[in-house]
Protein backbone atom coordinates (compact mmCIF):
# COMPACT_ATOMS: atom_id res chain seq x y z
CA MET A 1 5.03 -10.31 -16.93
CA LYS A 2 7.80 -7.93 -15.98
CA PRO A 3 6.73 -4.59 -14.53
CA ILE A 4 7.87 -1.33 -16.07
CA ILE A 5 10.57 0.14 -13.83
CA LEU A 6 10.93 3.92 -13.63
CA LYS A 7 13.96 5.30 -11.79
CA ASP A 8 13.42 8.39 -9.66
CA THR A 9 16.90 9.85 -9.96
CA ASP A 10 16.25 13.43 -8.85
CA ASN A 11 13.76 13.19 -5.95
CA PHE A 12 10.91 13.64 -8.41
CA ILE A 13 8.18 12.19 -6.17
CA GLN A 14 9.26 14.42 -3.32
CA ARG A 15 9.44 17.44 -5.62
CA ILE A 16 5.88 16.76 -6.80
CA ALA A 17 4.69 16.71 -3.18
CA GLU A 18 6.51 19.96 -2.48
CA GLU A 19 5.10 21.51 -5.69
CA GLU A 20 8.57 22.04 -7.10
CA ALA A 21 8.20 19.88 -10.23
CA SER A 22 7.16 21.46 -13.51
CA ILE A 23 3.82 20.70 -15.12
CA VAL A 24 5.60 19.25 -18.16
CA GLU A 25 7.63 16.89 -15.95
CA ILE A 26 4.56 15.77 -14.04
CA GLU A 27 2.42 15.19 -17.14
CA SER A 28 5.15 13.14 -18.83
CA PHE A 29 5.75 11.00 -15.74
CA ILE A 30 2.05 10.40 -15.03
CA LYS A 31 1.40 9.53 -18.69
CA LYS A 32 3.98 6.73 -18.55
CA ILE A 33 2.28 5.27 -15.50
CA THR A 34 -1.33 5.59 -16.70
CA GLU A 35 -0.56 4.04 -20.08
CA ALA A 36 1.05 1.03 -18.42
CA VAL A 37 -1.55 0.37 -15.72
CA SER A 38 -4.44 0.83 -18.16
CA ASN A 39 -2.95 -2.15 -20.00
CA GLU A 40 -2.69 -4.07 -16.70
CA ILE A 41 1.09 -3.70 -16.59
CA PRO A 42 2.36 -2.89 -13.09
CA VAL A 43 4.82 -0.04 -12.65
CA ILE A 44 7.65 0.14 -10.13
CA VAL A 45 9.11 3.53 -9.23
CA ARG A 46 12.57 3.06 -7.75
CA GLY A 47 14.76 5.37 -5.69
CA SER A 48 12.22 7.92 -4.44
CA PHE A 49 13.15 7.71 -0.76
CA ASP A 50 16.37 7.52 1.22
CA LYS A 51 16.74 3.95 2.47
CA LYS A 52 18.23 4.96 5.82
CA SER A 53 15.15 7.08 6.49
CA LEU A 54 12.88 4.22 5.43
CA TYR A 55 14.53 1.83 7.88
CA SER A 56 14.12 4.40 10.66
CA LEU A 57 10.43 4.89 9.85
CA LYS A 58 9.84 1.16 9.67
CA LEU A 59 11.31 0.81 13.16
CA GLU A 60 9.04 3.62 14.38
CA ILE A 61 5.99 1.80 13.03
CA PHE A 62 7.10 -1.52 14.51
CA ASN A 63 7.67 0.08 17.93
CA PHE A 64 4.22 1.70 17.81
CA GLY A 65 2.77 -1.78 17.40
CA GLN A 66 4.86 -3.25 20.20
CA ASN A 67 4.52 -0.49 22.77
CA THR A 68 0.85 0.53 22.52
CA ALA A 69 -2.32 -1.47 23.02
CA VAL A 70 -4.21 -2.84 20.04
CA SER A 71 -7.47 -1.07 19.18
CA ASN A 72 -9.92 -0.62 16.32
CA HIS A 73 -11.35 2.88 16.20
CA LYS A 74 -14.41 3.98 14.24
CA ASN A 75 -13.72 4.76 10.61
CA THR A 76 -13.90 8.56 10.40
CA ALA A 77 -11.75 11.42 9.10
CA LYS A 78 -10.67 12.26 12.64
CA VAL A 79 -9.79 8.72 13.69
CA LYS A 80 -6.81 8.34 16.00
CA ASN A 81 -3.75 6.42 14.90
CA PHE A 82 -4.19 2.79 15.91
CA HIS A 83 -3.10 -0.76 15.15
CA ARG A 84 -4.73 -4.18 15.36
CA ILE A 85 -4.05 -7.83 14.60
CA ASP A 86 -6.10 -9.22 11.69
CA HIS A 87 -6.37 -13.00 11.76
CA ASN A 88 -9.04 -14.01 9.24
CA HIS A 89 -11.77 -12.08 11.06
CA PRO A 90 -15.15 -13.27 9.73
CA LEU A 91 -16.37 -9.71 9.09
CA MET A 92 -13.50 -8.84 6.79
CA SER A 93 -14.44 -8.68 3.11
CA VAL A 94 -10.94 -9.86 2.20
CA LYS A 95 -9.34 -12.31 4.61
CA ARG A 96 -5.79 -11.79 5.77
CA ILE A 97 -3.31 -12.51 8.53
CA ALA A 98 -1.45 -9.29 9.20
CA HIS A 99 -0.65 -6.57 11.70
CA PHE A 100 -2.55 -3.53 10.45
CA PHE A 101 -1.54 0.06 11.28
CA ARG A 102 -3.93 2.92 10.50
CA TYR A 103 -2.78 6.53 10.44
CA SER A 104 -4.77 9.78 10.43
CA TYR A 105 -3.94 13.18 8.98
CA TYR A 106 -5.38 14.65 12.18
CA GLU A 107 -2.54 13.03 14.13
CA GLN A 108 0.21 13.48 11.58
CA ASP A 109 2.27 15.57 14.00
CA THR A 110 2.68 12.54 16.28
CA THR A 111 4.50 10.39 13.71
CA SER A 112 7.11 10.63 10.96
CA VAL A 113 5.12 8.30 8.71
CA PHE A 114 3.50 11.13 6.77
CA LYS A 115 6.87 11.94 5.21
CA LEU A 116 6.04 8.87 3.13
CA ILE A 117 2.25 8.93 3.12
CA HIS A 118 1.81 12.47 1.80
CA PRO A 119 3.91 12.01 -1.38
CA ILE A 120 2.22 8.63 -1.98
CA ASN A 121 -1.23 10.26 -1.72
CA ILE A 122 -0.35 13.04 -4.13
CA LEU A 123 1.07 10.56 -6.64
CA ARG A 124 -2.08 8.45 -6.39
CA ASN A 125 -4.35 11.47 -6.85
CA LEU A 126 -2.45 12.72 -9.89
CA ILE A 127 -2.66 9.31 -11.55
CA ALA A 128 -6.39 9.19 -10.83
CA GLY A 129 -6.98 12.73 -12.09
CA LEU A 130 -8.07 13.98 -8.66
CA ASP A 131 -7.20 17.17 -6.80
CA MET A 132 -3.82 16.80 -5.12
CA ASP A 133 -5.30 16.95 -1.60
CA TYR A 134 -8.41 14.87 -2.37
CA GLY A 135 -9.67 12.88 0.60
CA THR A 136 -6.99 13.88 3.08
CA PHE A 137 -8.29 15.89 6.04
CA SER A 138 -11.99 15.30 5.45
CA GLU A 139 -14.23 12.96 3.55
CA SER A 140 -15.70 14.04 0.23
CA ASP A 141 -19.42 14.76 -0.05
CA ASP A 142 -20.00 11.15 -1.08
CA GLY A 143 -17.96 9.70 1.78
CA PHE A 144 -14.59 8.97 0.20
CA LEU A 145 -11.62 9.33 2.51
CA THR A 146 -7.90 8.58 2.32
CA GLN A 147 -7.03 5.85 4.80
CA PRO A 148 -3.24 5.67 5.20
CA GLY A 149 -2.02 2.35 6.52
CA VAL A 150 0.78 -0.14 6.88
CA LEU A 151 0.51 -3.92 6.70
CA HIS A 152 3.02 -6.27 8.27
CA TYR A 153 2.53 -9.81 6.98
CA PRO A 154 4.51 -11.78 9.56
CA ALA A 155 6.77 -14.68 8.78
CA GLY A 156 4.82 -17.78 9.73
CA GLY A 157 1.94 -17.41 7.30
CA GLY A 158 0.97 -13.77 6.97
CA TYR A 159 -1.04 -13.40 3.77
CA MET A 160 -3.92 -11.68 1.96
CA ALA A 161 -6.56 -13.54 -0.03
CA ALA A 162 -6.88 -13.01 -3.78
CA HIS A 163 -9.14 -10.02 -4.39
CA THR A 164 -9.92 -6.97 -6.46
CA ASP A 165 -10.27 -3.40 -5.20
CA ASN A 166 -12.65 -0.74 -6.43
CA VAL A 167 -11.33 1.66 -9.06
CA VAL A 168 -13.66 4.45 -7.88
CA PRO A 169 -12.27 7.00 -7.36
CA GLN A 170 -8.59 6.08 -6.98
CA LYS A 171 -8.14 3.87 -10.09
CA VAL A 172 -4.80 2.47 -8.89
CA GLU A 173 -3.10 0.95 -5.88
CA VAL A 174 0.12 2.70 -4.85
CA VAL A 175 2.15 0.59 -2.42
CA LEU A 176 5.56 1.36 -0.90
CA ALA A 177 7.68 -1.69 -0.08
CA LEU A 178 9.28 -1.62 3.37
CA SER A 179 10.76 -5.10 2.99
CA GLU A 180 12.41 -7.26 0.37
CA ARG A 181 12.20 -10.97 -0.39
CA MET A 182 15.38 -12.92 0.37
CA VAL A 183 16.23 -10.26 2.97
CA ASP A 184 13.23 -9.91 5.31
CA PHE A 185 11.49 -13.13 4.26
CA TYR A 186 12.11 -15.96 1.83
CA GLU A 187 8.80 -17.29 0.56
CA GLY A 188 5.53 -15.69 -0.56
CA GLY A 189 4.64 -12.17 -1.57
CA LEU A 190 2.66 -10.19 -4.13
CA SER A 191 1.25 -11.88 -7.22
CA MET A 192 -1.23 -10.59 -9.79
CA LEU A 193 -3.60 -12.29 -12.21
CA ILE A 194 -2.55 -11.08 -15.66
CA ASP A 195 -3.52 -12.79 -18.93
CA ASP A 196 -5.26 -15.55 -16.90
CA GLU A 197 -2.06 -16.49 -15.09
CA TRP A 198 -0.80 -15.57 -11.64
CA GLN A 199 2.39 -13.59 -12.06
CA ASP A 200 5.01 -13.33 -9.32
CA ILE A 201 5.49 -9.57 -8.98
CA GLU A 202 7.34 -9.77 -5.67
CA GLN A 203 10.51 -10.97 -7.41
CA PHE A 204 10.89 -7.52 -9.01
CA ILE A 205 10.28 -5.45 -5.87
CA ASN A 206 13.19 -4.00 -3.90
CA PHE A 207 13.09 -2.35 -0.50
CA GLY A 208 11.87 1.23 -0.99
CA ASP A 209 10.16 0.63 -4.34
CA ILE A 210 6.73 2.07 -5.09
CA CYS A 211 4.55 -0.50 -6.84
CA ILE A 212 1.60 0.86 -8.83
CA PHE A 213 -1.11 -1.23 -10.47
CA LYS A 214 -4.73 -1.05 -11.58
CA ALA A 215 -6.92 -1.57 -8.53
CA ASP A 216 -9.34 -4.05 -10.11
CA VAL A 217 -6.64 -6.43 -11.34
CA PRO A 218 -6.87 -9.52 -9.07
CA HIS A 219 -3.96 -9.57 -6.64
CA ARG A 220 -2.92 -11.39 -3.49
CA VAL A 221 -0.11 -11.84 -1.00
CA LEU A 222 0.91 -15.47 -0.83
CA PRO A 223 1.76 -16.79 2.68
CA ILE A 224 5.03 -15.43 4.01
CA ASP A 225 7.45 -18.15 5.19
CA PRO A 226 4.51 -20.40 6.16
CA ASP A 227 6.61 -23.23 7.61
CA ILE A 228 7.72 -21.35 10.70
CA LYS A 229 5.75 -20.23 13.76
CA ILE A 230 4.27 -16.72 13.79
CA ASP A 231 5.91 -14.38 16.27
CA TRP A 232 4.02 -11.09 16.49
CA SER A 233 6.92 -9.59 18.46
CA SER A 234 9.28 -10.05 15.51
CA SER A 235 9.66 -7.59 12.64
CA SER A 236 10.47 -10.33 10.12
CA GLY A 237 8.10 -10.70 7.19
CA ARG A 238 6.66 -8.51 4.48
CA TRP A 239 5.93 -4.82 5.13
CA SER A 240 4.03 -2.42 2.88
CA LEU A 241 2.79 1.14 3.25
CA PHE A 242 -0.30 2.08 1.28
CA SER A 243 -2.93 4.80 1.27
CA PRO A 244 -6.17 3.79 -0.42
CA ILE A 245 -9.32 5.84 -0.76
CA ALA A 246 -12.20 4.13 1.01
CA ASN A 247 -15.81 5.06 1.61
CA ILE A 248 -16.87 5.57 5.21
CA TYR A 249 -20.60 5.53 4.40
CA SER A 250 -20.97 2.47 2.19
CA ASN A 251 -19.53 -1.06 2.07
CA LYS A 252 -20.12 -1.43 -1.66
CA TYR A 253 -16.66 -0.03 -2.42
CA GLN A 254 -14.81 -2.67 -0.37
CA GLY A 255 -12.42 -5.16 -1.90
CA ILE A 256 -13.95 -8.41 -3.16
CA GLU A 257 -12.35 -11.82 -2.84
CA VAL A 258 -11.93 -13.77 -6.08
CA GLU A 259 -11.28 -17.40 -6.82
CA PRO A 260 -7.52 -17.94 -6.66
CA LEU A 261 -7.49 -20.65 -9.38
CA ASN A 262 -4.95 -23.44 -8.96
CA ASN A 263 -1.66 -21.61 -9.49
């Protein structure tokens, strides 16, 4: 299954975030995405961000992880920016080996990352039919909150187990690629279960692409370059920026692992 690729040739995603795009433009663009993902066809938006800026922001994130202590703050709207190492922790609903970075709107002035996160959030909310600023600075009455993050799946076996995510209220996953196969790593990456077969989606993803897909379609990250030794001080591997809506009051909206089948 080949994703639908939409080229952002005139800074459209940024213009949406800055409220400079027309309603007609927005409705047409969002319709293309919603029609595809409702049929379980992933969408890739290409060219929304300057690659030089992306490389600079990726380095900033990496340095944050190298130069500050790991921590795991309480999940609230006013959480501080933090990072931690996830290595198949038994309490995780979906197992993974990854370096996880969590960012907070309340500390957005301390990082450049929100130059990416804010447009991603607005795009997600428009696709889901939510208010543009839904879940940003405070949780909704029922506990839903945007939780901006970055995942670095290190070379040496970084992965995420096959799982589904809840479609309430976000409907889709919107993920910005900060790496590219055959450049930053050579084996593994994103695959999705479509028409009862695991499809290699990673092969279509370039550095800087935004990958959008229906949240409850089973997906996974196959182990990244599993035959080498993990080095948490190296930036090699797969990087992705994402900003899901989670619930800080209830665990029933967490992702759920699924049987990976044999392929």
